[in-house]
Amino acid sequence: MKTYPGEIQELLDDKDFEICPQKYTKITTRQSQILEHVSLGKSNKEISWILDIHLKTVEKHKNRLREKLGLNSMAELVHFAIRNGITEKDEGICM
């Protein structure tokens, strides 16, 4: 069984966490690409290289994603991606 960093594992263990597919549909294609890479443990620098965009643009997209989805941390963002099928639990950030 895979072990996730503490904050993410706590969120995954919480069965009451809201799954919000309707909010997910309101994000842009680029934001969904960013979300997928973040949930796979890619750094901002790696994401900027993969998507061929500036580092500041990656940071801006991540902040807007958290705002749109009402999330407070990167751990919650990764958790959201796993819970909503954006990335598989076995593919996400592991220790």
PDB file of N, CA and C in Angstrom:
ATOM      1  N   MET A   1       0.836  -1.187   0.000  1.00  0.00           N
ATOM      2  CA  MET A   1       0.000   0.000   0.000  1.00  0.00           C
ATOM      3  C   MET A   1       0.881   1.250   0.000  1.00  0.00           C
ATOM      4  N   LYS A   2       0.525   2.215  -0.824  1.00  0.00           N
ATOM      5  CA  LYS A   2       1.304   3.445  -0.926  1.00  0.00           C
ATOM      6  C   LYS A   2       1.015   4.345   0.266  1.00  0.00           C
ATOM      7  N   THR A   3       2.047   5.080   0.673  1.00  0.00           N
ATOM      8  CA  THR A   3       1.909   6.029   1.761  1.00  0.00           C
ATOM      9  C   THR A   3       2.129   7.424   1.210  1.00  0.00           C
ATOM     10  N   TYR A   4       1.230   8.316   1.523  1.00  0.00           N
ATOM     11  CA  TYR A   4       1.297   9.702   1.059  1.00  0.00           C
ATOM     12  C   TYR A   4       1.811  10.580   2.189  1.00  0.00           C
ATOM     13  N   PRO A   5       2.340  11.755   1.842  1.00  0.00           N
ATOM     14  CA  PRO A   5       2.735  12.697   2.892  1.00  0.00           C
ATOM     15  C   PRO A   5       1.555  12.945   3.837  1.00  0.00           C
ATOM     16  N   GLY A   6       1.854  13.159   5.111  1.00  0.00           N
ATOM     17  CA  GLY A   6       0.853  13.246   6.172  1.00  0.00           C
ATOM     18  C   GLY A   6      -0.430  13.986   5.871  1.00  0.00           C
ATOM     19  N   GLU A   7      -0.332  15.224   5.418  1.00  0.00           N
ATOM     20  CA  GLU A   7      -1.528  16.043   5.201  1.00  0.00           C
ATOM     21  C   GLU A   7      -2.415  15.461   4.108  1.00  0.00           C
ATOM     22  N   ILE A   8      -1.804  14.918   3.049  1.00  0.00           N
ATOM     23  CA  ILE A   8      -2.586  14.319   1.965  1.00  0.00           C
ATOM     24  C   ILE A   8      -3.252  13.041   2.453  1.00  0.00           C
ATOM     25  N   GLN A   9      -2.503  12.209   3.209  1.00  0.00           N
ATOM     26  CA  GLN A   9      -3.065  10.956   3.701  1.00  0.00           C
ATOM     27  C   GLN A   9      -4.248  11.217   4.629  1.00  0.00           C
ATOM     28  N   GLU A  10      -4.141  12.226   5.473  1.00  0.00           N
ATOM     29  CA  GLU A  10      -5.260  12.572   6.363  1.00  0.00           C
ATOM     30  C   GLU A  10      -6.501  12.918   5.556  1.00  0.00           C
ATOM     31  N   LEU A  11      -6.330  13.681   4.487  1.00  0.00           N
ATOM     32  CA  LEU A  11      -7.464  14.049   3.654  1.00  0.00           C
ATOM     33  C   LEU A  11      -8.051  12.830   2.955  1.00  0.00           C
ATOM     34  N   LEU A  12      -7.189  11.925   2.494  1.00  0.00           N
ATOM     35  CA  LEU A  12      -7.674  10.713   1.830  1.00  0.00           C
ATOM     36  C   LEU A  12      -8.432   9.811   2.791  1.00  0.00           C
ATOM     37  N   ASP A  13      -8.018   9.811   4.056  1.00  0.00           N
ATOM     38  CA  ASP A  13      -8.687   8.996   5.068  1.00  0.00           C
ATOM     39  C   ASP A  13     -10.034   9.574   5.486  1.00  0.00           C
ATOM     40  N   ASP A  14     -10.244  10.872   5.237  1.00  0.00           N
ATOM     41  CA  ASP A  14     -11.483  11.545   5.610  1.00  0.00           C
ATOM     42  C   ASP A  14     -12.566  11.216   4.588  1.00  0.00           C
ATOM     43  N   LYS A  15     -13.500  10.376   4.973  1.00  0.00           N
ATOM     44  CA  LYS A  15     -14.559   9.925   4.060  1.00  0.00           C
ATOM     45  C   LYS A  15     -15.605  11.011   3.794  1.00  0.00           C
ATOM     46  N   ASP A  16     -15.608  12.083   4.577  1.00  0.00           N
ATOM     47  CA  ASP A  16     -16.622  13.122   4.443  1.00  0.00           C
ATOM     48  C   ASP A  16     -16.205  14.235   3.487  1.00  0.00           C
ATOM     49  N   PHE A  17     -15.002  14.163   2.940  1.00  0.00           N
ATOM     50  CA  PHE A  17     -14.527  15.234   2.068  1.00  0.00           C
ATOM     51  C   PHE A  17     -15.403  15.325   0.831  1.00  0.00           C
ATOM     52  N   GLU A  18     -15.799  16.537   0.489  1.00  0.00           N
ATOM     53  CA  GLU A  18     -16.703  16.775  -0.640  1.00  0.00           C
ATOM     54  C   GLU A  18     -16.002  16.526  -1.976  1.00  0.00           C
ATOM     55  N   ILE A  19     -16.654  15.761  -2.830  1.00  0.00           N
ATOM     56  CA  ILE A  19     -16.188  15.593  -4.198  1.00  0.00           C
ATOM     57  C   ILE A  19     -16.976  16.587  -5.040  1.00  0.00           C
ATOM     58  N   CYS A  20     -16.275  17.421  -5.797  1.00  0.00           N
ATOM     59  CA  CYS A  20     -16.914  18.549  -6.473  1.00  0.00           C
ATOM     60  C   CYS A  20     -16.706  18.532  -7.976  1.00  0.00           C
ATOM     61  N   PRO A  21     -17.241  17.566  -8.706  1.00  0.00           N
ATOM     62  CA  PRO A  21     -17.011  17.562 -10.153  1.00  0.00           C
ATOM     63  C   PRO A  21     -17.580  18.793 -10.850  1.00  0.00           C
ATOM     64  N   GLN A  22     -18.636  19.388 -10.302  1.00  0.00           N
ATOM     65  CA  GLN A  22     -19.202  20.573 -10.935  1.00  0.00           C
ATOM     66  C   GLN A  22     -18.221  21.738 -10.873  1.00  0.00           C
ATOM     67  N   LYS A  23     -17.428  21.837  -9.823  1.00  0.00           N
ATOM     68  CA  LYS A  23     -16.415  22.884  -9.756  1.00  0.00           C
ATOM     69  C   LYS A  23     -15.285  22.582 -10.727  1.00  0.00           C
ATOM     70  N   TYR A  24     -14.974  21.306 -10.885  1.00  0.00           N
ATOM     71  CA  TYR A  24     -13.872  20.928 -11.768  1.00  0.00           C
ATOM     72  C   TYR A  24     -14.150  21.337 -13.209  1.00  0.00           C
ATOM     73  N   THR A  25     -15.399  21.306 -13.623  1.00  0.00           N
ATOM     74  CA  THR A  25     -15.731  21.653 -15.000  1.00  0.00           C
ATOM     75  C   THR A  25     -15.517  23.140 -15.281  1.00  0.00           C
ATOM     76  N   LYS A  26     -15.360  23.948 -14.247  1.00  0.00           N
ATOM     77  CA  LYS A  26     -15.190  25.381 -14.428  1.00  0.00           C
ATOM     78  C   LYS A  26     -13.730  25.793 -14.585  1.00  0.00           C
ATOM     79  N   ILE A  27     -12.810  24.841 -14.596  1.00  0.00           N
ATOM     80  CA  ILE A  27     -11.412  25.214 -14.769  1.00  0.00           C
ATOM     81  C   ILE A  27     -11.016  25.074 -16.236  1.00  0.00           C
ATOM     82  N   THR A  28     -10.004  25.835 -16.607  1.00  0.00           N
ATOM     83  CA  THR A  28      -9.564  25.847 -17.998  1.00  0.00           C
ATOM     84  C   THR A  28      -8.763  24.583 -18.325  1.00  0.00           C
ATOM     85  N   THR A  29      -8.552  24.369 -19.601  1.00  0.00           N
ATOM     86  CA  THR A  29      -7.749  23.231 -20.044  1.00  0.00           C
ATOM     87  C   THR A  29      -6.344  23.324 -19.468  1.00  0.00           C
ATOM     88  N   ARG A  30      -5.751  24.505 -19.504  1.00  0.00           N
ATOM     89  CA  ARG A  30      -4.399  24.695 -18.969  1.00  0.00           C
ATOM     90  C   ARG A  30      -4.376  24.416 -17.473  1.00  0.00           C
ATOM     91  N   GLN A  31      -5.411  24.873 -16.752  1.00  0.00           N
ATOM     92  CA  GLN A  31      -5.463  24.614 -15.318  1.00  0.00           C
ATOM     93  C   GLN A  31      -5.589  23.126 -15.032  1.00  0.00           C
ATOM     94  N   SER A  32      -6.331  22.405 -15.859  1.00  0.00           N
ATOM     95  CA  SER A  32      -6.450  20.961 -15.648  1.00  0.00           C
ATOM     96  C   SER A  32      -5.114  20.266 -15.922  1.00  0.00           C
ATOM     97  N   GLN A  33      -4.338  20.784 -16.886  1.00  0.00           N
ATOM     98  CA  GLN A  33      -3.006  20.228 -17.133  1.00  0.00           C
ATOM     99  C   GLN A  33      -2.094  20.471 -15.938  1.00  0.00           C
ATOM    100  N   ILE A  34      -2.150  21.677 -15.406  1.00  0.00           N
ATOM    101  CA  ILE A  34      -1.350  22.020 -14.226  1.00  0.00           C
ATOM    102  C   ILE A  34      -1.739  21.111 -13.069  1.00  0.00           C
ATOM    103  N   LEU A  35      -3.033  20.956 -12.836  1.00  0.00           N
ATOM    104  CA  LEU A  35      -3.534  20.128 -11.744  1.00  0.00           C
ATOM    105  C   LEU A  35      -3.046  18.690 -11.874  1.00  0.00           C
ATOM    106  N   GLU A  36      -3.074  18.165 -13.071  1.00  0.00           N
ATOM    107  CA  GLU A  36      -2.605  16.795 -13.287  1.00  0.00           C
ATOM    108  C   GLU A  36      -1.123  16.664 -12.935  1.00  0.00           C
ATOM    109  N   HIS A  37      -0.311  17.600 -13.400  1.00  0.00           N
ATOM    110  CA  HIS A  37       1.124  17.539 -13.118  1.00  0.00           C
ATOM    111  C   HIS A  37       1.422  17.747 -11.633  1.00  0.00           C
ATOM    112  N   VAL A  38       0.706  18.647 -10.987  1.00  0.00           N
ATOM    113  CA  VAL A  38       0.888  18.874  -9.548  1.00  0.00           C
ATOM    114  C   VAL A  38       0.576  17.592  -8.782  1.00  0.00           C
ATOM    115  N   SER A  39      -0.517  16.940  -9.159  1.00  0.00           N
ATOM    116  CA  SER A  39      -0.931  15.731  -8.445  1.00  0.00           C
ATOM    117  C   SER A  39       0.040  14.578  -8.664  1.00  0.00           C
ATOM    118  N   LEU A  40       0.837  14.656  -9.716  1.00  0.00           N
ATOM    119  CA  LEU A  40       1.855  13.634  -9.973  1.00  0.00           C
ATOM    120  C   LEU A  40       3.191  13.981  -9.323  1.00  0.00           C
ATOM    121  N   GLY A  41       3.211  15.078  -8.565  1.00  0.00           N
ATOM    122  CA  GLY A  41       4.402  15.440  -7.809  1.00  0.00           C
ATOM    123  C   GLY A  41       5.413  16.267  -8.564  1.00  0.00           C
ATOM    124  N   LYS A  42       5.035  16.804  -9.697  1.00  0.00           N
ATOM    125  CA  LYS A  42       5.955  17.628 -10.490  1.00  0.00           C
ATOM    126  C   LYS A  42       6.150  18.988  -9.817  1.00  0.00           C
ATOM    127  N   SER A  43       7.372  19.490  -9.881  1.00  0.00           N
ATOM    128  CA  SER A  43       7.666  20.817  -9.336  1.00  0.00           C
ATOM    129  C   SER A  43       7.198  21.882 -10.315  1.00  0.00           C
ATOM    130  N   ASN A  44       7.122  23.119  -9.835  1.00  0.00           N
ATOM    131  CA  ASN A  44       6.746  24.228 -10.719  1.00  0.00           C
ATOM    132  C   ASN A  44       7.697  24.316 -11.908  1.00  0.00           C
ATOM    133  N   LYS A  45       8.978  24.125 -11.640  1.00  0.00           N
ATOM    134  CA  LYS A  45       9.981  24.201 -12.702  1.00  0.00           C
ATOM    135  C   LYS A  45       9.766  23.101 -13.741  1.00  0.00           C
ATOM    136  N   GLU A  46       9.482  21.890 -13.273  1.00  0.00           N
ATOM    137  CA  GLU A  46       9.223  20.782 -14.199  1.00  0.00           C
ATOM    138  C   GLU A  46       7.974  21.052 -15.036  1.00  0.00           C
ATOM    139  N   ILE A  47       6.933  21.554 -14.387  1.00  0.00           N
ATOM    140  CA  ILE A  47       5.683  21.840 -15.092  1.00  0.00           C
ATOM    141  C   ILE A  47       5.908  22.914 -16.150  1.00  0.00           C
ATOM    142  N   SER A  48       6.655  23.962 -15.795  1.00  0.00           N
ATOM    143  CA  SER A  48       6.903  25.035 -16.758  1.00  0.00           C
ATOM    144  C   SER A  48       7.676  24.504 -17.964  1.00  0.00           C
ATOM    145  N   TRP A  49       8.604  23.595 -17.737  1.00  0.00           N
ATOM    146  CA  TRP A  49       9.371  23.013 -18.837  1.00  0.00           C
ATOM    147  C   TRP A  49       8.496  22.103 -19.694  1.00  0.00           C
ATOM    148  N   ILE A  50       7.708  21.229 -19.064  1.00  0.00           N
ATOM    149  CA  ILE A  50       6.849  20.287 -19.785  1.00  0.00           C
ATOM    150  C   ILE A  50       5.826  21.021 -20.648  1.00  0.00           C
ATOM    151  N   LEU A  51       5.189  22.057 -20.073  1.00  0.00           N
ATOM    152  CA  LEU A  51       4.130  22.782 -20.783  1.00  0.00           C
ATOM    153  C   LEU A  51       4.658  23.967 -21.591  1.00  0.00           C
ATOM    154  N   ASP A  52       5.953  24.220 -21.486  1.00  0.00           N
ATOM    155  CA  ASP A  52       6.596  25.316 -22.201  1.00  0.00           C
ATOM    156  C   ASP A  52       5.936  26.657 -21.878  1.00  0.00           C
ATOM    157  N   ILE A  53       5.815  26.920 -20.580  1.00  0.00           N
ATOM    158  CA  ILE A  53       5.285  28.197 -20.094  1.00  0.00           C
ATOM    159  C   ILE A  53       6.219  28.721 -19.004  1.00  0.00           C
ATOM    160  N   HIS A  54       6.092  29.979 -18.678  1.00  0.00           N
ATOM    161  CA  HIS A  54       6.936  30.590 -17.657  1.00  0.00           C
ATOM    162  C   HIS A  54       6.599  30.057 -16.270  1.00  0.00           C
ATOM    163  N   LEU A  55       7.602  30.039 -15.414  1.00  0.00           N
ATOM    164  CA  LEU A  55       7.443  29.579 -14.037  1.00  0.00           C
ATOM    165  C   LEU A  55       6.366  30.382 -13.304  1.00  0.00           C
ATOM    166  N   LYS A  56       6.369  31.688 -13.485  1.00  0.00           N
ATOM    167  CA  LYS A  56       5.357  32.548 -12.842  1.00  0.00           C
ATOM    168  C   LYS A  56       3.947  32.202 -13.319  1.00  0.00           C
ATOM    169  N   THR A  57       3.820  31.767 -14.569  1.00  0.00           N
ATOM    170  CA  THR A  57       2.514  31.380 -15.106  1.00  0.00           C
ATOM    171  C   THR A  57       2.013  30.125 -14.405  1.00  0.00           C
ATOM    172  N   VAL A  58       2.906  29.190 -14.147  1.00  0.00           N
ATOM    173  CA  VAL A  58       2.536  27.973 -13.409  1.00  0.00           C
ATOM    174  C   VAL A  58       2.035  28.356 -12.025  1.00  0.00           C
ATOM    175  N   GLU A  59       2.777  29.216 -11.336  1.00  0.00           N
ATOM    176  CA  GLU A  59       2.387  29.649  -9.995  1.00  0.00           C
ATOM    177  C   GLU A  59       1.020  30.337 -10.009  1.00  0.00           C
ATOM    178  N   LYS A  60       0.797  31.176 -11.003  1.00  0.00           N
ATOM    179  CA  LYS A  60      -0.475  31.892 -11.113  1.00  0.00           C
ATOM    180  C   LYS A  60      -1.633  30.911 -11.326  1.00  0.00           C
ATOM    181  N   HIS A  61      -1.430  29.920 -12.209  1.00  0.00           N
ATOM    182  CA  HIS A  61      -2.475  28.919 -12.449  1.00  0.00           C
ATOM    183  C   HIS A  61      -2.775  28.108 -11.180  1.00  0.00           C
ATOM    184  N   LYS A  62      -1.743  27.739 -10.447  1.00  0.00           N
ATOM    185  CA  LYS A  62      -1.947  26.966  -9.212  1.00  0.00           C
ATOM    186  C   LYS A  62      -2.746  27.779  -8.191  1.00  0.00           C
ATOM    187  N   ASN A  63      -2.413  29.052  -8.058  1.00  0.00           N
ATOM    188  CA  ASN A  63      -3.156  29.902  -7.118  1.00  0.00           C
ATOM    189  C   ASN A  63      -4.612  30.072  -7.544  1.00  0.00           C
ATOM    190  N   ARG A  64      -4.835  30.280  -8.837  1.00  0.00           N
ATOM    191  CA  ARG A  64      -6.216  30.432  -9.331  1.00  0.00           C
ATOM    192  C   ARG A  64      -7.004  29.134  -9.143  1.00  0.00           C
ATOM    193  N   LEU A  65      -6.352  28.009  -9.362  1.00  0.00           N
ATOM    194  CA  LEU A  65      -7.013  26.716  -9.149  1.00  0.00           C
ATOM    195  C   LEU A  65      -7.479  26.580  -7.709  1.00  0.00           C
ATOM    196  N   ARG A  66      -6.577  26.885  -6.770  1.00  0.00           N
ATOM    197  CA  ARG A  66      -6.947  26.789  -5.352  1.00  0.00           C
ATOM    198  C   ARG A  66      -8.105  27.722  -5.035  1.00  0.00           C
ATOM    199  N   GLU A  67      -8.089  28.924  -5.588  1.00  0.00           N
ATOM    200  CA  GLU A  67      -9.176  29.881  -5.358  1.00  0.00           C
ATOM    201  C   GLU A  67     -10.492  29.364  -5.930  1.00  0.00           C
ATOM    202  N   LYS A  68     -10.479  28.921  -7.182  1.00  0.00           N
ATOM    203  CA  LYS A  68     -11.695  28.436  -7.842  1.00  0.00           C
ATOM    204  C   LYS A  68     -12.306  27.246  -7.122  1.00  0.00           C
ATOM    205  N   LEU A  69     -11.443  26.361  -6.641  1.00  0.00           N
ATOM    206  CA  LEU A  69     -11.926  25.133  -6.013  1.00  0.00           C
ATOM    207  C   LEU A  69     -12.135  25.282  -4.510  1.00  0.00           C
ATOM    208  N   GLY A  70     -11.801  26.438  -3.968  1.00  0.00           N
ATOM    209  CA  GLY A  70     -11.991  26.686  -2.547  1.00  0.00           C
ATOM    210  C   GLY A  70     -11.065  25.858  -1.675  1.00  0.00           C
ATOM    211  N   LEU A  71      -9.837  25.650  -2.139  1.00  0.00           N
ATOM    212  CA  LEU A  71      -8.873  24.836  -1.411  1.00  0.00           C
ATOM    213  C   LEU A  71      -7.808  25.734  -0.802  1.00  0.00           C
ATOM    214  N   ASN A  72      -7.273  25.311   0.348  1.00  0.00           N
ATOM    215  CA  ASN A  72      -6.333  26.153   1.079  1.00  0.00           C
ATOM    216  C   ASN A  72      -4.877  25.761   0.945  1.00  0.00           C
ATOM    217  N   SER A  73      -4.598  24.559   0.462  1.00  0.00           N
ATOM    218  CA  SER A  73      -3.214  24.107   0.408  1.00  0.00           C
ATOM    219  C   SER A  73      -2.974  23.239  -0.822  1.00  0.00           C
ATOM    220  N   MET A  74      -1.702  23.001  -1.096  1.00  0.00           N
ATOM    221  CA  MET A  74      -1.346  22.118  -2.199  1.00  0.00           C
ATOM    222  C   MET A  74      -1.777  20.688  -1.877  1.00  0.00           C
ATOM    223  N   ALA A  75      -1.726  20.310  -0.612  1.00  0.00           N
ATOM    224  CA  ALA A  75      -2.176  18.971  -0.228  1.00  0.00           C
ATOM    225  C   ALA A  75      -3.647  18.785  -0.584  1.00  0.00           C
ATOM    226  N   GLU A  76      -4.468  19.797  -0.320  1.00  0.00           N
ATOM    227  CA  GLU A  76      -5.884  19.721  -0.664  1.00  0.00           C
ATOM    228  C   GLU A  76      -6.068  19.659  -2.181  1.00  0.00           C
ATOM    229  N   LEU A  77      -5.211  20.336  -2.916  1.00  0.00           N
ATOM    230  CA  LEU A  77      -5.278  20.309  -4.380  1.00  0.00           C
ATOM    231  C   LEU A  77      -4.977  18.901  -4.899  1.00  0.00           C
ATOM    232  N   VAL A  78      -3.942  18.267  -4.364  1.00  0.00           N
ATOM    233  CA  VAL A  78      -3.603  16.892  -4.757  1.00  0.00           C
ATOM    234  C   VAL A  78      -4.735  15.953  -4.363  1.00  0.00           C
ATOM    235  N   HIS A  79      -5.254  16.127  -3.175  1.00  0.00           N
ATOM    236  CA  HIS A  79      -6.367  15.303  -2.703  1.00  0.00           C
ATOM    237  C   HIS A  79      -7.568  15.448  -3.629  1.00  0.00           C
ATOM    238  N   PHE A  80      -7.878  16.665  -4.016  1.00  0.00           N
ATOM    239  CA  PHE A  80      -8.984  16.920  -4.936  1.00  0.00           C
ATOM    240  C   PHE A  80      -8.779  16.156  -6.237  1.00  0.00           C
ATOM    241  N   ALA A  81      -7.557  16.199  -6.770  1.00  0.00           N
ATOM    242  CA  ALA A  81      -7.249  15.512  -8.031  1.00  0.00           C
ATOM    243  C   ALA A  81      -7.456  14.007  -7.903  1.00  0.00           C
ATOM    244  N   ILE A  82      -7.037  13.438  -6.793  1.00  0.00           N
ATOM    245  CA  ILE A  82      -7.201  11.995  -6.581  1.00  0.00           C
ATOM    246  C   ILE A  82      -8.671  11.649  -6.419  1.00  0.00           C
ATOM    247  N   ARG A  83      -9.382  12.402  -5.583  1.00  0.00           N
ATOM    248  CA  ARG A  83     -10.789  12.122  -5.301  1.00  0.00           C
ATOM    249  C   ARG A  83     -11.687  12.279  -6.523  1.00  0.00           C
ATOM    250  N   ASN A  84     -11.301  13.148  -7.443  1.00  0.00           N
ATOM    251  CA  ASN A  84     -12.124  13.413  -8.614  1.00  0.00           C
ATOM    252  C   ASN A  84     -11.627  12.704  -9.871  1.00  0.00           C
ATOM    253  N   GLY A  85     -10.718  11.759  -9.696  1.00  0.00           N
ATOM    254  CA  GLY A  85     -10.272  10.939 -10.811  1.00  0.00           C
ATOM    255  C   GLY A  85      -9.370  11.647 -11.805  1.00  0.00           C
ATOM    256  N   ILE A  86      -8.816  12.791 -11.412  1.00  0.00           N
ATOM    257  CA  ILE A  86      -7.919  13.518 -12.301  1.00  0.00           C
ATOM    258  C   ILE A  86      -6.577  12.787 -12.365  1.00  0.00           C
ATOM    259  N   THR A  87      -6.210  12.186 -11.268  1.00  0.00           N
ATOM    260  CA  THR A  87      -5.045  11.295 -11.220  1.00  0.00           C
ATOM    261  C   THR A  87      -5.433  10.097 -10.374  1.00  0.00           C
ATOM    262  N   GLU A  88      -4.847   8.971 -10.646  1.00  0.00           N
ATOM    263  CA  GLU A  88      -5.139   7.762  -9.891  1.00  0.00           C
ATOM    264  C   GLU A  88      -4.383   7.783  -8.568  1.00  0.00           C
ATOM    265  N   LYS A  89      -4.965   7.160  -7.559  1.00  0.00           N
ATOM    266  CA  LYS A  89      -4.345   7.122  -6.242  1.00  0.00           C
ATOM    267  C   LYS A  89      -2.950   6.522  -6.305  1.00  0.00           C
ATOM    268  N   ASP A  90      -2.753   5.523  -7.144  1.00  0.00           N
ATOM    269  CA  ASP A  90      -1.447   4.863  -7.255  1.00  0.00           C
ATOM    270  C   ASP A  90      -0.430   5.700  -8.021  1.00  0.00           C
ATOM    271  N   GLU A  91      -0.893   6.725  -8.755  1.00  0.00           N
ATOM    272  CA  GLU A  91       0.017   7.554  -9.552  1.00  0.00           C
ATOM    273  C   GLU A  91       0.453   8.803  -8.818  1.00  0.00           C
ATOM    274  N   GLY A  92      -0.291   9.232  -7.802  1.00  0.00           N
ATOM    275  CA  GLY A  92      -0.051  10.503  -7.136  1.00  0.00           C
ATOM    276  C   GLY A  92       1.233  10.541  -6.333  1.00  0.00           C
ATOM    277  N   ILE A  93       1.435  11.628  -5.643  1.00  0.00           N
ATOM    278  CA  ILE A  93       2.621  11.848  -4.856  1.00  0.00           C
ATOM    279  C   ILE A  93       2.708  10.805  -3.746  1.00  0.00           C
ATOM    280  N   CYS A  94       3.803  10.088  -3.696  1.00  0.00           N
ATOM    281  CA  CYS A  94       3.994   9.064  -2.671  1.00  0.00           C
ATOM    282  C   CYS A  94       5.344   9.259  -1.993  1.00  0.00           C
ATOM    283  N   MET A  95       5.446   8.675  -0.819  1.00  0.00           N
ATOM    284  CA  MET A  95       6.710   8.740  -0.070  1.00  0.00           C
ATOM    285  C   MET A  95       7.420   7.413  -0.199  1.00  0.00           C
TER     286      MET A  95
END
